[in-house]
Amino acid sequence: MVYRLKYFAPAILYVLLITLLSSLDQESVAYLSWGIQDFILHAVEYNFYGVTLIWAFYREKPQHELKMSFRLAVSVGALSAVADEFYQSFVPTRYSTIEDIAADVFGLILSIITFSLLMKIPLLEKFRKDA
């Protein structure tokens, strides 16, 4: 149990952060977004979330099953995106859109590339093997 929590903790903390941000009113979100386009914010946010999910699922699978970790991360992330948008539809001054879900899934798909590139960094490769 502790073994799994060690690897899933970043993803759990990250999804809690996403939920916290979804709880903010629209004015606060506009202030915190620094004028960055909504699609880009969603894609970047879920790109990082996807990396944490891939890391967690990758630790649970044999090395040759990396593609399964990618699929699981994108699937769980997409379900999280739908749940987040559903939750957000109940927050006053906020609204949910299918475009936000599309941006989230786009970010999740990009996380496959991001994760693959990160694992090519020698220091991180050593960390992955020692973890």
C-alpha atoms as a PDB file:
ATOM      1  CA  MET A   1       0.000   0.000   0.000  1.00  0.00           C
ATOM      2  CA  VAL A   2       2.749   2.471   0.950  1.00  0.00           C
ATOM      3  CA  TYR A   3       4.612   1.472  -2.212  1.00  0.00           C
ATOM      4  CA  ARG A   4       1.676   2.476  -4.394  1.00  0.00           C
ATOM      5  CA  LEU A   5       0.934   5.673  -2.492  1.00  0.00           C
ATOM      6  CA  LYS A   6       4.535   6.764  -2.971  1.00  0.00           C
ATOM      7  CA  TYR A   7       4.081   6.808  -6.740  1.00  0.00           C
ATOM      8  CA  PHE A   8       0.457   7.934  -6.888  1.00  0.00           C
ATOM      9  CA  ALA A   9       0.871  10.783  -4.362  1.00  0.00           C
ATOM     10  CA  PRO A  10       1.968  13.370  -6.965  1.00  0.00           C
ATOM     11  CA  ALA A  11      -1.035  12.571  -9.184  1.00  0.00           C
ATOM     12  CA  ILE A  12      -3.421  12.673  -6.217  1.00  0.00           C
ATOM     13  CA  LEU A  13      -2.024  15.995  -5.016  1.00  0.00           C
ATOM     14  CA  TYR A  14      -2.166  17.400  -8.533  1.00  0.00           C
ATOM     15  CA  VAL A  15      -5.813  16.442  -9.071  1.00  0.00           C
ATOM     16  CA  LEU A  16      -6.623  18.034  -5.705  1.00  0.00           C
ATOM     17  CA  LEU A  17      -4.936  21.223  -6.938  1.00  0.00           C
ATOM     18  CA  ILE A  18      -7.010  21.076 -10.133  1.00  0.00           C
ATOM     19  CA  THR A  19     -10.170  20.708  -8.037  1.00  0.00           C
ATOM     20  CA  LEU A  20      -9.132  23.630  -5.845  1.00  0.00           C
ATOM     21  CA  LEU A  21      -8.580  25.805  -8.920  1.00  0.00           C
ATOM     22  CA  SER A  22     -11.967  24.723 -10.293  1.00  0.00           C
ATOM     23  CA  SER A  23     -13.557  25.926  -7.059  1.00  0.00           C
ATOM     24  CA  LEU A  24     -12.398  29.513  -7.604  1.00  0.00           C
ATOM     25  CA  ASP A  25     -14.751  32.105  -9.028  1.00  0.00           C
ATOM     26  CA  GLN A  26     -14.264  33.265 -12.622  1.00  0.00           C
ATOM     27  CA  GLU A  27     -12.757  36.609 -11.602  1.00  0.00           C
ATOM     28  CA  SER A  28     -10.020  34.893  -9.573  1.00  0.00           C
ATOM     29  CA  VAL A  29      -9.287  32.497 -12.410  1.00  0.00           C
ATOM     30  CA  ALA A  30      -8.987  35.385 -14.869  1.00  0.00           C
ATOM     31  CA  TYR A  31      -6.553  37.132 -12.512  1.00  0.00           C
ATOM     32  CA  LEU A  32      -4.428  34.010 -11.971  1.00  0.00           C
ATOM     33  CA  SER A  33      -4.275  33.117 -15.679  1.00  0.00           C
ATOM     34  CA  TRP A  34      -2.250  36.234 -16.590  1.00  0.00           C
ATOM     35  CA  GLY A  35      -4.180  36.581 -19.840  1.00  0.00           C
ATOM     36  CA  ILE A  36      -3.005  33.221 -21.205  1.00  0.00           C
ATOM     37  CA  GLN A  37      -5.511  31.612 -23.548  1.00  0.00           C
ATOM     38  CA  ASP A  38      -7.828  29.134 -21.815  1.00  0.00           C
ATOM     39  CA  PHE A  39      -7.015  26.249 -24.203  1.00  0.00           C
ATOM     40  CA  ILE A  40      -3.288  26.592 -23.504  1.00  0.00           C
ATOM     41  CA  LEU A  41      -3.842  26.740 -19.735  1.00  0.00           C
ATOM     42  CA  HIS A  42      -5.920  23.574 -19.792  1.00  0.00           C
ATOM     43  CA  ALA A  43      -3.440  21.756 -22.039  1.00  0.00           C
ATOM     44  CA  VAL A  44      -0.443  22.671 -19.876  1.00  0.00           C
ATOM     45  CA  GLU A  45      -2.296  21.865 -16.654  1.00  0.00           C
ATOM     46  CA  TYR A  46      -3.283  18.402 -17.872  1.00  0.00           C
ATOM     47  CA  ASN A  47       0.109  17.807 -19.503  1.00  0.00           C
ATOM     48  CA  PHE A  48       1.707  17.951 -16.058  1.00  0.00           C
ATOM     49  CA  TYR A  49      -1.114  15.872 -14.584  1.00  0.00           C
ATOM     50  CA  GLY A  50      -0.617  13.282 -17.316  1.00  0.00           C
ATOM     51  CA  VAL A  51       3.102  13.026 -16.532  1.00  0.00           C
ATOM     52  CA  THR A  52       2.296  12.307 -12.866  1.00  0.00           C
ATOM     53  CA  LEU A  53      -0.230   9.664 -13.923  1.00  0.00           C
ATOM     54  CA  ILE A  54       2.167   8.010 -16.366  1.00  0.00           C
ATOM     55  CA  TRP A  55       4.836   7.915 -13.676  1.00  0.00           C
ATOM     56  CA  ALA A  56       2.437   6.256 -11.221  1.00  0.00           C
ATOM     57  CA  PHE A  57       1.136   3.666 -13.687  1.00  0.00           C
ATOM     58  CA  TYR A  58       4.601   3.034 -15.109  1.00  0.00           C
ATOM     59  CA  ARG A  59       5.877   2.105 -11.662  1.00  0.00           C
ATOM     60  CA  GLU A  60       3.110  -0.482 -11.386  1.00  0.00           C
ATOM     61  CA  LYS A  61       3.867  -2.213 -14.710  1.00  0.00           C
ATOM     62  CA  PRO A  62       6.820  -4.156 -16.082  1.00  0.00           C
ATOM     63  CA  GLN A  63       9.196  -2.046 -18.171  1.00  0.00           C
ATOM     64  CA  HIS A  64       7.962  -3.481 -21.474  1.00  0.00           C
ATOM     65  CA  GLU A  65       4.398  -2.287 -20.768  1.00  0.00           C
ATOM     66  CA  LEU A  66       5.034   1.442 -21.099  1.00  0.00           C
ATOM     67  CA  LYS A  67       2.311   1.812 -23.739  1.00  0.00           C
ATOM     68  CA  MET A  68      -0.239   0.443 -21.262  1.00  0.00           C
ATOM     69  CA  SER A  69       0.844   3.127 -18.791  1.00  0.00           C
ATOM     70  CA  PHE A  70       0.256   5.750 -21.482  1.00  0.00           C
ATOM     71  CA  ARG A  71      -3.231   4.415 -22.184  1.00  0.00           C
ATOM     72  CA  LEU A  72      -4.149   4.222 -18.514  1.00  0.00           C
ATOM     73  CA  ALA A  73      -2.878   7.735 -17.833  1.00  0.00           C
ATOM     74  CA  VAL A  74      -4.811   9.258 -20.735  1.00  0.00           C
ATOM     75  CA  SER A  75      -7.958   7.320 -19.803  1.00  0.00           C
ATOM     76  CA  VAL A  76      -7.866   8.219 -16.098  1.00  0.00           C
ATOM     77  CA  GLY A  77      -6.910  11.795 -16.960  1.00  0.00           C
ATOM     78  CA  ALA A  78      -9.796  12.125 -19.414  1.00  0.00           C
ATOM     79  CA  LEU A  79     -12.230  10.811 -16.818  1.00  0.00           C
ATOM     80  CA  SER A  80     -10.804  13.329 -14.355  1.00  0.00           C
ATOM     81  CA  ALA A  81     -11.280  16.099 -16.918  1.00  0.00           C
ATOM     82  CA  VAL A  82     -14.939  15.177 -17.423  1.00  0.00           C
ATOM     83  CA  ALA A  83     -15.479  14.965 -13.649  1.00  0.00           C
ATOM     84  CA  ASP A  84     -13.749  18.326 -13.160  1.00  0.00           C
ATOM     85  CA  GLU A  85     -15.907  20.025 -15.777  1.00  0.00           C
ATOM     86  CA  PHE A  86     -19.022  18.475 -14.247  1.00  0.00           C
ATOM     87  CA  TYR A  87     -17.984  19.741 -10.812  1.00  0.00           C
ATOM     88  CA  GLN A  88     -17.193  23.158 -12.248  1.00  0.00           C
ATOM     89  CA  SER A  89     -20.716  23.433 -13.672  1.00  0.00           C
ATOM     90  CA  PHE A  90     -21.970  23.713 -10.069  1.00  0.00           C
ATOM     91  CA  VAL A  91     -19.519  26.438  -9.048  1.00  0.00           C
ATOM     92  CA  PRO A  92     -21.102  29.921  -9.140  1.00  0.00           C
ATOM     93  CA  THR A  93     -19.709  32.181 -11.916  1.00  0.00           C
ATOM     94  CA  ARG A  94     -17.981  29.215 -13.559  1.00  0.00           C
ATOM     95  CA  TYR A  95     -19.057  27.252 -16.591  1.00  0.00           C
ATOM     96  CA  SER A  96     -17.990  24.007 -18.201  1.00  0.00           C
ATOM     97  CA  THR A  97     -17.392  23.421 -21.884  1.00  0.00           C
ATOM     98  CA  ILE A  98     -16.529  20.545 -24.156  1.00  0.00           C
ATOM     99  CA  GLU A  99     -13.648  22.689 -25.460  1.00  0.00           C
ATOM    100  CA  ASP A 100     -12.058  22.576 -22.010  1.00  0.00           C
ATOM    101  CA  ILE A 101     -12.285  18.786 -21.995  1.00  0.00           C
ATOM    102  CA  ALA A 102     -10.743  18.677 -25.474  1.00  0.00           C
ATOM    103  CA  ALA A 103      -7.861  20.886 -24.290  1.00  0.00           C
ATOM    104  CA  ASP A 104      -7.391  18.655 -21.244  1.00  0.00           C
ATOM    105  CA  VAL A 105      -7.223  15.507 -23.385  1.00  0.00           C
ATOM    106  CA  PHE A 106      -4.827  17.258 -25.771  1.00  0.00           C
ATOM    107  CA  GLY A 107      -2.580  18.024 -22.777  1.00  0.00           C
ATOM    108  CA  LEU A 108      -2.817  14.399 -21.647  1.00  0.00           C
ATOM    109  CA  ILE A 109      -1.742  13.175 -25.073  1.00  0.00           C
ATOM    110  CA  LEU A 110       1.153  15.642 -25.036  1.00  0.00           C
ATOM    111  CA  SER A 111       2.180  14.234 -21.664  1.00  0.00           C
ATOM    112  CA  ILE A 112       3.195  11.017 -23.447  1.00  0.00           C
ATOM    113  CA  ILE A 113       5.761  13.004 -25.428  1.00  0.00           C
ATOM    114  CA  THR A 114       6.799  15.003 -22.362  1.00  0.00           C
ATOM    115  CA  PHE A 115       7.284  11.863 -20.280  1.00  0.00           C
ATOM    116  CA  SER A 116       9.265  10.155 -23.031  1.00  0.00           C
ATOM    117  CA  LEU A 117      11.558  13.173 -23.352  1.00  0.00           C
ATOM    118  CA  LEU A 118      12.003  13.486 -19.579  1.00  0.00           C
ATOM    119  CA  MET A 119      13.060   9.849 -19.317  1.00  0.00           C
ATOM    120  CA  LYS A 120      15.880  10.522 -21.800  1.00  0.00           C
ATOM    121  CA  ILE A 121      17.527  12.905 -19.321  1.00  0.00           C
ATOM    122  CA  PRO A 122      20.341  10.839 -17.722  1.00  0.00           C
ATOM    123  CA  LEU A 123      19.716  12.028 -14.157  1.00  0.00           C
ATOM    124  CA  LEU A 124      16.016  11.204 -14.380  1.00  0.00           C
ATOM    125  CA  GLU A 125      16.749   7.834 -15.975  1.00  0.00           C
ATOM    126  CA  LYS A 126      18.921   6.965 -12.982  1.00  0.00           C
ATOM    127  CA  PHE A 127      16.189   8.200 -10.624  1.00  0.00           C
ATOM    128  CA  ARG A 128      13.608   6.027 -12.410  1.00  0.00           C
ATOM    129  CA  LYS A 129      15.768   2.931 -12.098  1.00  0.00           C
ATOM    130  CA  ASP A 130      16.504   3.564  -8.417  1.00  0.00           C
ATOM    131  CA  ALA A 131      12.920   4.377  -7.442  1.00  0.00           C
END
